[in-house]
């Protein structure tokens, strides 16, 4: 019995250049959105000063981000991630121009996973 060559051929086919370029453009857009989000988050948290009534209206407590180590870590981690995203933009643009760059895509995926690591640690420590 001869098997037909139709089974599994679609999974072995390489990605179309248009699809690959579209994913690269989406990656670039998502990086810009992430830059705006992390930068805004770091600025908002780093410049916030709150004054809260403590026991009575006359006793006030002034809170800043540097009062709690978790909030300081949050500002520093967001700043580092924002800098990484800015530095990874040229590599993302290279993927739009050269859609067959495989090693740099793997490098970018690895570095994105490393970037996620501090936020995973923070969420584990918070629970």
PDB file of N, CA and C in Angstrom:
ATOM      1  N   UNK A   1       0.840  -1.186   0.000  1.00  0.00           N
ATOM      2  CA  UNK A   1       0.000   0.000   0.000  1.00  0.00           C
ATOM      3  C   UNK A   1       0.876   1.236   0.000  1.00  0.00           C
ATOM      4  N   UNK A   2       0.531   2.121  -0.843  1.00  0.00           N
ATOM      5  CA  UNK A   2       1.277   3.360  -0.950  1.00  0.00           C
ATOM      6  C   UNK A   2       0.502   4.472  -0.247  1.00  0.00           C
ATOM      7  N   UNK A   3       1.184   5.199   0.625  1.00  0.00           N
ATOM      8  CA  UNK A   3       0.513   6.296   1.326  1.00  0.00           C
ATOM      9  C   UNK A   3       0.548   7.542   0.462  1.00  0.00           C
ATOM     10  N   UNK A   4      -0.481   8.314   0.563  1.00  0.00           N
ATOM     11  CA  UNK A   4      -0.501   9.566  -0.196  1.00  0.00           C
ATOM     12  C   UNK A   4       0.407  10.580   0.489  1.00  0.00           C
ATOM     13  N   UNK A   5       0.984  11.451  -0.289  1.00  0.00           N
ATOM     14  CA  UNK A   5       1.911  12.448   0.244  1.00  0.00           C
ATOM     15  C   UNK A   5       1.219  13.663   0.823  1.00  0.00           C
ATOM     16  N   UNK A   6      -0.074  13.558   1.052  1.00  0.00           N
ATOM     17  CA  UNK A   6      -0.812  14.723   1.534  1.00  0.00           C
ATOM     18  C   UNK A   6      -0.721  14.889   3.038  1.00  0.00           C
ATOM     19  N   UNK A   7      -0.418  13.859   3.754  1.00  0.00           N
ATOM     20  CA  UNK A   7      -0.411  13.944   5.214  1.00  0.00           C
ATOM     21  C   UNK A   7       0.816  14.693   5.707  1.00  0.00           C
ATOM     22  N   UNK A   8       0.603  15.750   6.451  1.00  0.00           N
ATOM     23  CA  UNK A   8       1.683  16.482   7.088  1.00  0.00           C
ATOM     24  C   UNK A   8       2.443  17.438   6.198  1.00  0.00           C
ATOM     25  N   UNK A   9       2.058  17.603   4.961  1.00  0.00           N
ATOM     26  CA  UNK A   9       2.809  18.495   4.088  1.00  0.00           C
ATOM     27  C   UNK A   9       2.617  19.954   4.461  1.00  0.00           C
ATOM     28  N   UNK A  10       1.462  20.289   4.954  1.00  0.00           N
ATOM     29  CA  UNK A  10       1.216  21.688   5.299  1.00  0.00           C
ATOM     30  C   UNK A  10       2.028  22.111   6.511  1.00  0.00           C
ATOM     31  N   UNK A  11       2.304  21.190   7.421  1.00  0.00           N
ATOM     32  CA  UNK A  11       3.081  21.548   8.602  1.00  0.00           C
ATOM     33  C   UNK A  11       4.561  21.691   8.282  1.00  0.00           C
ATOM     34  N   UNK A  12       5.026  21.084   7.179  1.00  0.00           N
ATOM     35  CA  UNK A  12       6.432  21.167   6.817  1.00  0.00           C
ATOM     36  C   UNK A  12       6.739  22.374   5.940  1.00  0.00           C
ATOM     37  N   UNK A  13       5.722  23.014   5.438  1.00  0.00           N
ATOM     38  CA  UNK A  13       5.932  24.144   4.532  1.00  0.00           C
ATOM     39  C   UNK A  13       6.464  25.340   5.305  1.00  0.00           C
ATOM     40  N   UNK A  14       7.449  26.063   4.758  1.00  0.00           N
ATOM     41  CA  UNK A  14       7.965  27.249   5.443  1.00  0.00           C
ATOM     42  C   UNK A  14       6.935  28.376   5.430  1.00  0.00           C
ATOM     43  N   UNK A  15       7.104  29.307   6.352  1.00  0.00           N
ATOM     44  CA  UNK A  15       6.200  30.449   6.405  1.00  0.00           C
ATOM     45  C   UNK A  15       6.350  31.304   5.158  1.00  0.00           C
ATOM     46  N   UNK A  16       5.267  31.817   4.724  1.00  0.00           N
ATOM     47  CA  UNK A  16       5.287  32.725   3.594  1.00  0.00           C
ATOM     48  C   UNK A  16       6.014  34.006   4.002  1.00  0.00           C
ATOM     49  N   UNK A  17       6.705  34.630   3.065  1.00  0.00           N
ATOM     50  CA  UNK A  17       7.441  35.859   3.390  1.00  0.00           C
ATOM     51  C   UNK A  17       6.513  36.956   3.883  1.00  0.00           C
ATOM     52  N   UNK A  18       5.314  37.050   3.293  1.00  0.00           N
ATOM     53  CA  UNK A  18       4.361  38.072   3.717  1.00  0.00           C
ATOM     54  C   UNK A  18       3.907  37.875   5.152  1.00  0.00           C
ATOM     55  N   UNK A  19       3.682  36.615   5.527  1.00  0.00           N
ATOM     56  CA  UNK A  19       3.272  36.315   6.902  1.00  0.00           C
ATOM     57  C   UNK A  19       4.410  36.634   7.865  1.00  0.00           C
ATOM     58  N   UNK A  20       5.624  36.256   7.486  1.00  0.00           N
ATOM     59  CA  UNK A  20       6.786  36.521   8.331  1.00  0.00           C
ATOM     60  C   UNK A  20       7.011  38.020   8.497  1.00  0.00           C
ATOM     61  N   UNK A  21       6.869  38.767   7.414  1.00  0.00           N
ATOM     62  CA  UNK A  21       7.045  40.210   7.492  1.00  0.00           C
ATOM     63  C   UNK A  21       5.936  40.847   8.326  1.00  0.00           C
ATOM     64  N   UNK A  22       4.722  40.320   8.192  1.00  0.00           N
ATOM     65  CA  UNK A  22       3.603  40.824   8.990  1.00  0.00           C
ATOM     66  C   UNK A  22       3.821  40.601  10.480  1.00  0.00           C
ATOM     67  N   UNK A  23       4.346  39.413  10.828  1.00  0.00           N
ATOM     68  CA  UNK A  23       4.643  39.146  12.236  1.00  0.00           C
ATOM     69  C   UNK A  23       5.764  40.048  12.753  1.00  0.00           C
ATOM     70  N   UNK A  24       6.729  40.349  11.891  1.00  0.00           N
ATOM     71  CA  UNK A  24       7.823  41.235  12.295  1.00  0.00           C
ATOM     72  C   UNK A  24       7.315  42.654  12.526  1.00  0.00           C
ATOM     73  N   UNK A  25       6.401  43.105  11.688  1.00  0.00           N
ATOM     74  CA  UNK A  25       5.811  44.439  11.877  1.00  0.00           C
ATOM     75  C   UNK A  25       4.984  44.465  13.160  1.00  0.00           C
ATOM     76  N   UNK A  26       4.219  43.392  13.415  1.00  0.00           N
ATOM     77  CA  UNK A  26       3.448  43.303  14.656  1.00  0.00           C
ATOM     78  C   UNK A  26       4.372  43.319  15.869  1.00  0.00           C
ATOM     79  N   UNK A  27       5.500  42.618  15.779  1.00  0.00           N
ATOM     80  CA  UNK A  27       6.488  42.613  16.856  1.00  0.00           C
ATOM     81  C   UNK A  27       7.008  44.025  17.123  1.00  0.00           C
ATOM     82  N   UNK A  28       7.295  44.772  16.067  1.00  0.00           N
ATOM     83  CA  UNK A  28       7.782  46.140  16.217  1.00  0.00           C
ATOM     84  C   UNK A  28       6.726  47.035  16.863  1.00  0.00           C
ATOM     85  N   UNK A  29       5.480  46.900  16.442  1.00  0.00           N
ATOM     86  CA  UNK A  29       4.393  47.703  17.018  1.00  0.00           C
ATOM     87  C   UNK A  29       4.215  47.376  18.495  1.00  0.00           C
ATOM     88  N   UNK A  30       4.245  46.092  18.834  1.00  0.00           N
ATOM     89  CA  UNK A  30       4.098  45.696  20.239  1.00  0.00           C
ATOM     90  C   UNK A  30       5.270  46.189  21.083  1.00  0.00           C
ATOM     91  N   UNK A  31       6.464  46.249  20.497  1.00  0.00           N
ATOM     92  CA  UNK A  31       7.613  46.789  21.230  1.00  0.00           C
ATOM     93  C   UNK A  31       7.425  48.276  21.517  1.00  0.00           C
ATOM     94  N   UNK A  32       6.910  49.027  20.536  1.00  0.00           N
ATOM     95  CA  UNK A  32       6.644  50.447  20.781  1.00  0.00           C
ATOM     96  C   UNK A  32       5.590  50.629  21.879  1.00  0.00           C
ATOM     97  N   UNK A  33       4.539  49.818  21.865  1.00  0.00           N
ATOM     98  CA  UNK A  33       3.510  49.903  22.903  1.00  0.00           C
ATOM     99  C   UNK A  33       4.103  49.565  24.267  1.00  0.00           C
ATOM    100  N   UNK A  34       4.962  48.543  24.319  1.00  0.00           N
ATOM    101  CA  UNK A  34       5.592  48.158  25.581  1.00  0.00           C
ATOM    102  C   UNK A  34       6.542  49.246  26.084  1.00  0.00           C
ATOM    103  N   UNK A  35       7.239  49.929  25.169  1.00  0.00           N
ATOM    104  CA  UNK A  35       8.115  51.033  25.573  1.00  0.00           C
ATOM    105  C   UNK A  35       7.302  52.133  26.226  1.00  0.00           C
ATOM    106  N   UNK A  36       6.207  52.503  25.601  1.00  0.00           N
ATOM    107  CA  UNK A  36       5.351  53.557  26.151  1.00  0.00           C
ATOM    108  C   UNK A  36       4.805  53.141  27.513  1.00  0.00           C
ATOM    109  N   UNK A  37       4.359  51.889  27.632  1.00  0.00           N
ATOM    110  CA  UNK A  37       3.798  51.413  28.893  1.00  0.00           C
ATOM    111  C   UNK A  37       4.805  51.351  30.023  1.00  0.00           C
ATOM    112  N   UNK A  38       5.983  50.793  29.763  1.00  0.00           N
ATOM    113  CA  UNK A  38       6.972  50.671  30.836  1.00  0.00           C
ATOM    114  C   UNK A  38       7.552  52.026  31.226  1.00  0.00           C
ATOM    115  N   UNK A  39       7.752  52.900  30.243  1.00  0.00           N
ATOM    116  CA  UNK A  39       8.261  54.234  30.553  1.00  0.00           C
ATOM    117  C   UNK A  39       7.240  55.030  31.359  1.00  0.00           C
ATOM    118  N   UNK A  40       5.982  54.972  30.952  1.00  0.00           N
ATOM    119  CA  UNK A  40       4.936  55.690  31.682  1.00  0.00           C
ATOM    120  C   UNK A  40       4.772  55.138  33.096  1.00  0.00           C
ATOM    121  N   UNK A  41       4.869  53.843  33.235  1.00  0.00           N
ATOM    122  CA  UNK A  41       4.750  53.221  34.555  1.00  0.00           C
ATOM    123  C   UNK A  41       5.901  53.631  35.473  1.00  0.00           C
ATOM    124  N   UNK A  42       7.119  53.625  34.947  1.00  0.00           N
ATOM    125  CA  UNK A  42       8.276  54.012  35.766  1.00  0.00           C
ATOM    126  C   UNK A  42       8.204  55.485  36.149  1.00  0.00           C
ATOM    127  N   UNK A  43       7.803  56.336  35.213  1.00  0.00           N
ATOM    128  CA  UNK A  43       7.701  57.768  35.514  1.00  0.00           C
ATOM    129  C   UNK A  43       6.585  58.035  36.517  1.00  0.00           C
ATOM    130  N   UNK A  44       5.430  57.408  36.313  1.00  0.00           N
ATOM    131  CA  UNK A  44       4.300  57.630  37.225  1.00  0.00           C
ATOM    132  C   UNK A  44       4.634  57.170  38.640  1.00  0.00           C
ATOM    133  N   UNK A  45       5.270  56.018  38.751  1.00  0.00           N
ATOM    134  CA  UNK A  45       5.593  55.501  40.081  1.00  0.00           C
ATOM    135  C   UNK A  45       6.740  56.270  40.721  1.00  0.00           C
ATOM    136  N   UNK A  46       7.712  56.686  39.926  1.00  0.00           N
ATOM    137  CA  UNK A  46       8.871  57.383  40.478  1.00  0.00           C
ATOM    138  C   UNK A  46       8.596  58.815  40.894  1.00  0.00           C
ATOM    139  N   UNK A  47       7.601  59.449  40.311  1.00  0.00           N
ATOM    140  CA  UNK A  47       7.327  60.855  40.627  1.00  0.00           C
ATOM    141  C   UNK A  47       6.122  61.052  41.537  1.00  0.00           C
ATOM    142  N   UNK A  48       5.507  59.970  41.992  1.00  0.00           N
ATOM    143  CA  UNK A  48       4.315  60.078  42.826  1.00  0.00           C
ATOM    144  C   UNK A  48       4.695  60.333  44.280  1.00  0.00           C
ATOM    145  N   UNK A  49       4.061  61.326  44.859  1.00  0.00           N
ATOM    146  CA  UNK A  49       4.163  61.604  46.290  1.00  0.00           C
ATOM    147  C   UNK A  49       2.748  61.676  46.849  1.00  0.00           C
ATOM    148  N   UNK A  50       2.466  60.870  47.826  1.00  0.00           N
ATOM    149  CA  UNK A  50       1.140  60.835  48.426  1.00  0.00           C
ATOM    150  C   UNK A  50       1.236  61.260  49.889  1.00  0.00           C
ATOM    151  N   UNK A  51       0.257  62.027  50.317  1.00  0.00           N
ATOM    152  CA  UNK A  51       0.138  62.401  51.720  1.00  0.00           C
ATOM    153  C   UNK A  51      -1.190  61.846  52.212  1.00  0.00           C
ATOM    154  N   UNK A  52      -1.125  60.965  53.204  1.00  0.00           N
ATOM    155  CA  UNK A  52      -2.317  60.287  53.689  1.00  0.00           C
ATOM    156  C   UNK A  52      -2.536  60.599  55.168  1.00  0.00           C
ATOM    157  N   UNK A  53      -3.784  60.780  55.577  1.00  0.00           N
ATOM    158  CA  UNK A  53      -4.032  60.934  57.020  1.00  0.00           C
ATOM    159  C   UNK A  53      -3.771  59.608  57.729  1.00  0.00           C
ATOM    160  N   UNK A  54      -3.090  59.696  58.890  1.00  0.00           N
ATOM    161  CA  UNK A  54      -2.687  58.473  59.559  1.00  0.00           C
ATOM    162  C   UNK A  54      -3.733  58.047  60.585  1.00  0.00           C
ATOM    163  N   UNK A  55      -3.783  58.676  61.747  1.00  0.00           N
ATOM    164  CA  UNK A  55      -4.817  58.362  62.728  1.00  0.00           C
ATOM    165  C   UNK A  55      -5.865  59.467  62.754  1.00  0.00           C
ATOM    166  N   UNK A  56      -5.409  60.668  62.678  1.00  0.00           N
ATOM    167  CA  UNK A  56      -6.322  61.802  62.658  1.00  0.00           C
ATOM    168  C   UNK A  56      -5.975  62.662  61.452  1.00  0.00           C
ATOM    169  N   UNK A  57      -6.728  63.719  61.286  1.00  0.00           N
ATOM    170  CA  UNK A  57      -6.446  64.622  60.176  1.00  0.00           C
ATOM    171  C   UNK A  57      -5.150  65.398  60.390  1.00  0.00           C
ATOM    172  N   UNK A  58      -4.719  65.530  61.636  1.00  0.00           N
ATOM    173  CA  UNK A  58      -3.553  66.344  61.935  1.00  0.00           C
ATOM    174  C   UNK A  58      -2.234  65.578  61.778  1.00  0.00           C
ATOM    175  N   UNK A  59      -2.295  64.274  61.859  1.00  0.00           N
ATOM    176  CA  UNK A  59      -1.095  63.458  61.656  1.00  0.00           C
ATOM    177  C   UNK A  59      -1.151  62.909  60.233  1.00  0.00           C
ATOM    178  N   UNK A  60      -0.166  63.300  59.457  1.00  0.00           N
ATOM    179  CA  UNK A  60      -0.148  62.885  58.049  1.00  0.00           C
ATOM    180  C   UNK A  60       1.077  62.000  57.792  1.00  0.00           C
ATOM    181  N   UNK A  61       0.923  61.092  56.876  1.00  0.00           N
ATOM    182  CA  UNK A  61       1.985  60.187  56.481  1.00  0.00           C
ATOM    183  C   UNK A  61       2.305  60.451  55.021  1.00  0.00           C
ATOM    184  N   UNK A  62       3.555  60.779  54.738  1.00  0.00           N
ATOM    185  CA  UNK A  62       3.977  61.035  53.368  1.00  0.00           C
ATOM    186  C   UNK A  62       4.596  59.761  52.796  1.00  0.00           C
ATOM    187  N   UNK A  63       4.041  59.287  51.673  1.00  0.00           N
ATOM    188  CA  UNK A  63       4.505  58.044  51.064  1.00  0.00           C
ATOM    189  C   UNK A  63       5.158  58.340  49.723  1.00  0.00           C
ATOM    190  N   UNK A  64       6.317  57.720  49.515  1.00  0.00           N
ATOM    191  CA  UNK A  64       7.015  57.795  48.238  1.00  0.00           C
ATOM    192  C   UNK A  64       7.330  56.382  47.781  1.00  0.00           C
ATOM    193  N   UNK A  65       7.722  56.257  46.519  1.00  0.00           N
ATOM    194  CA  UNK A  65       8.023  54.920  45.996  1.00  0.00           C
ATOM    195  C   UNK A  65       9.243  54.320  46.684  1.00  0.00           C
ATOM    196  N   UNK A  66      10.139  55.150  47.178  1.00  0.00           N
ATOM    197  CA  UNK A  66      11.367  54.635  47.787  1.00  0.00           C
ATOM    198  C   UNK A  66      11.153  54.150  49.227  1.00  0.00           C
ATOM    199  N   UNK A  67       9.949  54.301  49.756  1.00  0.00           N
ATOM    200  CA  UNK A  67       9.672  53.833  51.116  1.00  0.00           C
ATOM    201  C   UNK A  67       9.556  52.306  51.201  1.00  0.00           C
ATOM    202  N   UNK A  68       9.132  51.686  50.127  1.00  0.00           N
ATOM    203  CA  UNK A  68       8.984  50.235  50.112  1.00  0.00           C
ATOM    204  C   UNK A  68       9.942  49.625  49.086  1.00  0.00           C
ATOM    205  N   UNK A  69      10.693  48.611  49.467  1.00  0.00           N
ATOM    206  CA  UNK A  69      11.630  47.994  48.519  1.00  0.00           C
ATOM    207  C   UNK A  69      10.945  47.395  47.291  1.00  0.00           C
ATOM    208  N   UNK A  70       9.727  46.913  47.445  1.00  0.00           N
ATOM    209  CA  UNK A  70       9.014  46.339  46.309  1.00  0.00           C
ATOM    210  C   UNK A  70       8.726  47.396  45.254  1.00  0.00           C
ATOM    211  N   UNK A  71       8.323  48.579  45.679  1.00  0.00           N
ATOM    212  CA  UNK A  71       8.035  49.647  44.729  1.00  0.00           C
ATOM    213  C   UNK A  71       9.315  50.162  44.078  1.00  0.00           C
ATOM    214  N   UNK A  72      10.403  50.202  44.832  1.00  0.00           N
ATOM    215  CA  UNK A  72      11.692  50.587  44.257  1.00  0.00           C
ATOM    216  C   UNK A  72      12.112  49.575  43.197  1.00  0.00           C
ATOM    217  N   UNK A  73      11.940  48.289  43.498  1.00  0.00           N
ATOM    218  CA  UNK A  73      12.252  47.248  42.529  1.00  0.00           C
ATOM    219  C   UNK A  73      11.396  47.401  41.273  1.00  0.00           C
ATOM    220  N   UNK A  74      10.123  47.753  41.454  1.00  0.00           N
ATOM    221  CA  UNK A  74       9.206  47.936  40.334  1.00  0.00           C
ATOM    222  C   UNK A  74       9.685  49.055  39.414  1.00  0.00           C
ATOM    223  N   UNK A  75      10.111  50.178  39.983  1.00  0.00           N
ATOM    224  CA  UNK A  75      10.590  51.307  39.175  1.00  0.00           C
ATOM    225  C   UNK A  75      11.878  50.945  38.453  1.00  0.00           C
ATOM    226  N   UNK A  76      12.798  50.312  39.155  1.00  0.00           N
ATOM    227  CA  UNK A  76      14.074  49.934  38.542  1.00  0.00           C
ATOM    228  C   UNK A  76      13.858  48.887  37.446  1.00  0.00           C
ATOM    229  N   UNK A  77      13.024  47.888  37.709  1.00  0.00           N
ATOM    230  CA  UNK A  77      12.774  46.840  36.718  1.00  0.00           C
ATOM    231  C   UNK A  77      12.096  47.415  35.476  1.00  0.00           C
ATOM    232  N   UNK A  78      11.135  48.312  35.654  1.00  0.00           N
ATOM    233  CA  UNK A  78      10.483  48.930  34.497  1.00  0.00           C
ATOM    234  C   UNK A  78      11.467  49.785  33.710  1.00  0.00           C
ATOM    235  N   UNK A  79      12.375  50.454  34.380  1.00  0.00           N
ATOM    236  CA  UNK A  79      13.377  51.258  33.677  1.00  0.00           C
ATOM    237  C   UNK A  79      14.330  50.373  32.867  1.00  0.00           C
ATOM    238  N   UNK A  80      14.737  49.252  33.449  1.00  0.00           N
ATOM    239  CA  UNK A  80      15.628  48.327  32.744  1.00  0.00           C
ATOM    240  C   UNK A  80      14.923  47.723  31.533  1.00  0.00           C
ATOM    241  N   UNK A  81      13.672  47.332  31.696  1.00  0.00           N
ATOM    242  CA  UNK A  81      12.915  46.750  30.587  1.00  0.00           C
ATOM    243  C   UNK A  81      12.712  47.778  29.483  1.00  0.00           C
ATOM    244  N   UNK A  82      12.448  49.022  29.839  1.00  0.00           N
ATOM    245  CA  UNK A  82      12.280  50.077  28.840  1.00  0.00           C
ATOM    246  C   UNK A  82      13.580  50.281  28.055  1.00  0.00           C
ATOM    247  N   UNK A  83      14.708  50.289  28.750  1.00  0.00           N
ATOM    248  CA  UNK A  83      16.003  50.430  28.062  1.00  0.00           C
ATOM    249  C   UNK A  83      16.263  49.239  27.150  1.00  0.00           C
ATOM    250  N   UNK A  84      15.936  48.032  27.606  1.00  0.00           N
ATOM    251  CA  UNK A  84      16.103  46.849  26.758  1.00  0.00           C
ATOM    252  C   UNK A  84      15.240  46.948  25.512  1.00  0.00           C
ATOM    253  N   UNK A  85      14.003  47.381  25.672  1.00  0.00           N
ATOM    254  CA  UNK A  85      13.105  47.482  24.519  1.00  0.00           C
ATOM    255  C   UNK A  85      13.622  48.495  23.502  1.00  0.00           C
ATOM    256  N   UNK A  86      14.158  49.593  23.987  1.00  0.00           N
ATOM    257  CA  UNK A  86      14.713  50.596  23.073  1.00  0.00           C
ATOM    258  C   UNK A  86      15.923  50.013  22.334  1.00  0.00           C
ATOM    259  N   UNK A  87      16.762  49.262  23.060  1.00  0.00           N
ATOM    260  CA  UNK A  87      17.936  48.660  22.423  1.00  0.00           C
ATOM    261  C   UNK A  87      17.577  47.515  21.469  1.00  0.00           C
ATOM    262  N   UNK A  88      16.421  46.890  21.662  1.00  0.00           N
ATOM    263  CA  UNK A  88      16.030  45.781  20.791  1.00  0.00           C
ATOM    264  C   UNK A  88      15.274  46.245  19.542  1.00  0.00           C
ATOM    265  N   UNK A  89      14.945  47.523  19.452  1.00  0.00           N
ATOM    266  CA  UNK A  89      14.242  48.032  18.276  1.00  0.00           C
ATOM    267  C   UNK A  89      15.016  47.830  16.977  1.00  0.00           C
ATOM    268  N   UNK A  90      16.330  48.110  16.924  1.00  0.00           N
ATOM    269  CA  UNK A  90      17.048  47.873  15.658  1.00  0.00           C
ATOM    270  C   UNK A  90      17.001  46.414  15.200  1.00  0.00           C
ATOM    271  N   UNK A  91      17.081  45.486  16.131  1.00  0.00           N
ATOM    272  CA  UNK A  91      17.010  44.077  15.772  1.00  0.00           C
ATOM    273  C   UNK A  91      15.624  43.717  15.236  1.00  0.00           C
ATOM    274  N   UNK A  92      14.607  44.322  15.796  1.00  0.00           N
ATOM    275  CA  UNK A  92      13.255  44.099  15.309  1.00  0.00           C
ATOM    276  C   UNK A  92      13.069  44.678  13.905  1.00  0.00           C
ATOM    277  N   UNK A  93      13.715  45.803  13.629  1.00  0.00           N
ATOM    278  CA  UNK A  93      13.649  46.399  12.288  1.00  0.00           C
ATOM    279  C   UNK A  93      14.396  45.526  11.283  1.00  0.00           C
ATOM    280  N   UNK A  94      15.502  44.909  11.716  1.00  0.00           N
ATOM    281  CA  UNK A  94      16.238  43.996  10.841  1.00  0.00           C
ATOM    282  C   UNK A  94      15.354  42.822  10.436  1.00  0.00           C
ATOM    283  N   UNK A  95      14.494  42.371  11.335  1.00  0.00           N
ATOM    284  CA  UNK A  95      13.604  41.259  11.014  1.00  0.00           C
ATOM    285  C   UNK A  95      12.570  41.645   9.966  1.00  0.00           C
ATOM    286  N   UNK A  96      12.216  42.915   9.901  1.00  0.00           N
ATOM    287  CA  UNK A  96      11.287  43.361   8.858  1.00  0.00           C
ATOM    288  C   UNK A  96      12.005  43.368   7.517  1.00  0.00           C
ATOM    289  N   UNK A  97      13.241  43.846   7.519  1.00  0.00           N
ATOM    290  CA  UNK A  97      13.999  43.936   6.264  1.00  0.00           C
ATOM    291  C   UNK A  97      14.436  42.554   5.782  1.00  0.00           C
ATOM    292  N   UNK A  98      15.011  41.763   6.680  1.00  0.00           N
ATOM    293  CA  UNK A  98      15.484  40.408   6.332  1.00  0.00           C
ATOM    294  C   UNK A  98      14.597  39.398   7.046  1.00  0.00           C
ATOM    295  N   UNK A  99      13.608  38.910   6.361  1.00  0.00           N
ATOM    296  CA  UNK A  99      12.630  38.027   7.006  1.00  0.00           C
ATOM    297  C   UNK A  99      13.167  36.625   7.275  1.00  0.00           C
ATOM    298  N   UNK A 100      14.333  36.279   6.761  1.00  0.00           N
ATOM    299  CA  UNK A 100      14.885  34.939   6.966  1.00  0.00           C
ATOM    300  C   UNK A 100      15.952  34.889   8.060  1.00  0.00           C
ATOM    301  N   UNK A 101      16.101  35.919   8.841  1.00  0.00           N
ATOM    302  CA  UNK A 101      17.096  35.942   9.911  1.00  0.00           C
ATOM    303  C   UNK A 101      16.601  35.079  11.070  1.00  0.00           C
ATOM    304  N   UNK A 102      17.126  33.867  11.202  1.00  0.00           N
ATOM    305  CA  UNK A 102      16.647  32.926  12.202  1.00  0.00           C
ATOM    306  C   UNK A 102      17.407  33.043  13.528  1.00  0.00           C
ATOM    307  N   UNK A 103      18.725  33.211  13.465  1.00  0.00           N
ATOM    308  CA  UNK A 103      19.511  33.282  14.693  1.00  0.00           C
ATOM    309  C   UNK A 103      19.131  34.506  15.519  1.00  0.00           C
ATOM    310  N   UNK A 104      18.960  35.648  14.864  1.00  0.00           N
ATOM    311  CA  UNK A 104      18.610  36.856  15.607  1.00  0.00           C
ATOM    312  C   UNK A 104      17.191  36.772  16.168  1.00  0.00           C
ATOM    313  N   UNK A 105      16.300  36.052  15.505  1.00  0.00           N
ATOM    314  CA  UNK A 105      14.957  35.848  16.068  1.00  0.00           C
ATOM    315  C   UNK A 105      15.036  35.019  17.343  1.00  0.00           C
ATOM    316  N   UNK A 106      15.835  33.958  17.307  1.00  0.00           N
ATOM    317  CA  UNK A 106      15.999  33.134  18.509  1.00  0.00           C
ATOM    318  C   UNK A 106      16.646  33.931  19.642  1.00  0.00           C
ATOM    319  N   UNK A 107      17.616  34.756  19.288  1.00  0.00           N
ATOM    320  CA  UNK A 107      18.257  35.604  20.295  1.00  0.00           C
ATOM    321  C   UNK A 107      17.248  36.568  20.907  1.00  0.00           C
ATOM    322  N   UNK A 108      16.400  37.154  20.095  1.00  0.00           N
ATOM    323  CA  UNK A 108      15.395  38.091  20.589  1.00  0.00           C
ATOM    324  C   UNK A 108      14.370  37.389  21.479  1.00  0.00           C
ATOM    325  N   UNK A 109      13.967  36.188  21.107  1.00  0.00           N
ATOM    326  CA  UNK A 109      13.028  35.424  21.941  1.00  0.00           C
ATOM    327  C   UNK A 109      13.669  35.093  23.284  1.00  0.00           C
ATOM    328  N   UNK A 110      14.936  34.687  23.272  1.00  0.00           N
ATOM    329  CA  UNK A 110      15.645  34.379  24.510  1.00  0.00           C
ATOM    330  C   UNK A 110      15.761  35.621  25.401  1.00  0.00           C
ATOM    331  N   UNK A 111      16.141  36.744  24.814  1.00  0.00           N
ATOM    332  CA  UNK A 111      16.280  37.972  25.603  1.00  0.00           C
ATOM    333  C   UNK A 111      14.935  38.474  26.119  1.00  0.00           C
ATOM    334  N   UNK A 112      13.862  38.280  25.366  1.00  0.00           N
ATOM    335  CA  UNK A 112      12.531  38.633  25.848  1.00  0.00           C
ATOM    336  C   UNK A 112      12.143  37.784  27.055  1.00  0.00           C
ATOM    337  N   UNK A 113      12.509  36.510  27.029  1.00  0.00           N
ATOM    338  CA  UNK A 113      12.225  35.642  28.169  1.00  0.00           C
ATOM    339  C   UNK A 113      13.036  36.055  29.391  1.00  0.00           C
ATOM    340  N   UNK A 114      14.276  36.465  29.184  1.00  0.00           N
ATOM    341  CA  UNK A 114      15.107  36.938  30.298  1.00  0.00           C
ATOM    342  C   UNK A 114      14.531  38.231  30.862  1.00  0.00           C
ATOM    343  N   UNK A 115      13.998  39.069  30.005  1.00  0.00           N
ATOM    344  CA  UNK A 115      13.387  40.328  30.438  1.00  0.00           C
ATOM    345  C   UNK A 115      12.174  40.066  31.313  1.00  0.00           C
ATOM    346  N   UNK A 116      11.448  38.982  31.051  1.00  0.00           N
ATOM    347  CA  UNK A 116      10.256  38.645  31.825  1.00  0.00           C
ATOM    348  C   UNK A 116      10.612  38.121  33.207  1.00  0.00           C
ATOM    349  N   UNK A 117      11.800  37.605  33.374  1.00  0.00           N
ATOM    350  CA  UNK A 117      12.236  36.946  34.606  1.00  0.00           C
ATOM    351  C   UNK A 117      12.069  37.804  35.870  1.00  0.00           C
ATOM    352  N   UNK A 118      12.511  39.075  35.923  1.00  0.00           N
ATOM    353  CA  UNK A 118      12.347  39.846  37.161  1.00  0.00           C
ATOM    354  C   UNK A 118      10.895  40.025  37.576  1.00  0.00           C
ATOM    355  N   UNK A 119       9.982  40.136  36.623  1.00  0.00           N
ATOM    356  CA  UNK A 119       8.578  40.301  36.970  1.00  0.00           C
ATOM    357  C   UNK A 119       7.992  39.013  37.524  1.00  0.00           C
ATOM    358  N   UNK A 120       8.480  37.872  37.067  1.00  0.00           N
ATOM    359  CA  UNK A 120       8.030  36.619  37.625  1.00  0.00           C
ATOM    360  C   UNK A 120       8.518  36.471  39.062  1.00  0.00           C
ATOM    361  N   UNK A 121       9.751  36.853  39.332  1.00  0.00           N
ATOM    362  CA  UNK A 121      10.285  36.799  40.695  1.00  0.00           C
ATOM    363  C   UNK A 121       9.480  37.702  41.619  1.00  0.00           C
ATOM    364  N   UNK A 122       9.167  38.917  41.150  1.00  0.00           N
ATOM    365  CA  UNK A 122       8.417  39.846  41.981  1.00  0.00           C
ATOM    366  C   UNK A 122       7.027  39.299  42.291  1.00  0.00           C
ATOM    367  N   UNK A 123       6.362  38.696  41.312  1.00  0.00           N
ATOM    368  CA  UNK A 123       5.023  38.182  41.566  1.00  0.00           C
ATOM    369  C   UNK A 123       5.065  36.981  42.517  1.00  0.00           C
ATOM    370  N   UNK A 124       6.138  36.199  42.455  1.00  0.00           N
ATOM    371  CA  UNK A 124       6.260  35.068  43.376  1.00  0.00           C
ATOM    372  C   UNK A 124       6.522  35.575  44.789  1.00  0.00           C
ATOM    373  N   UNK A 125       7.369  36.590  44.935  1.00  0.00           N
ATOM    374  CA  UNK A 125       7.681  37.123  46.262  1.00  0.00           C
ATOM    375  C   UNK A 125       6.474  37.821  46.887  1.00  0.00           C
ATOM    376  N   UNK A 126       5.606  38.357  46.054  1.00  0.00           N
ATOM    377  CA  UNK A 126       4.447  39.084  46.575  1.00  0.00           C
ATOM    378  C   UNK A 126       3.421  38.140  47.181  1.00  0.00           C
ATOM    379  N   UNK A 127       3.358  36.874  46.749  1.00  0.00           N
ATOM    380  CA  UNK A 127       2.337  35.962  47.248  1.00  0.00           C
ATOM    381  C   UNK A 127       2.747  35.278  48.515  1.00  0.00           C
TER     382      UNK A 127
END
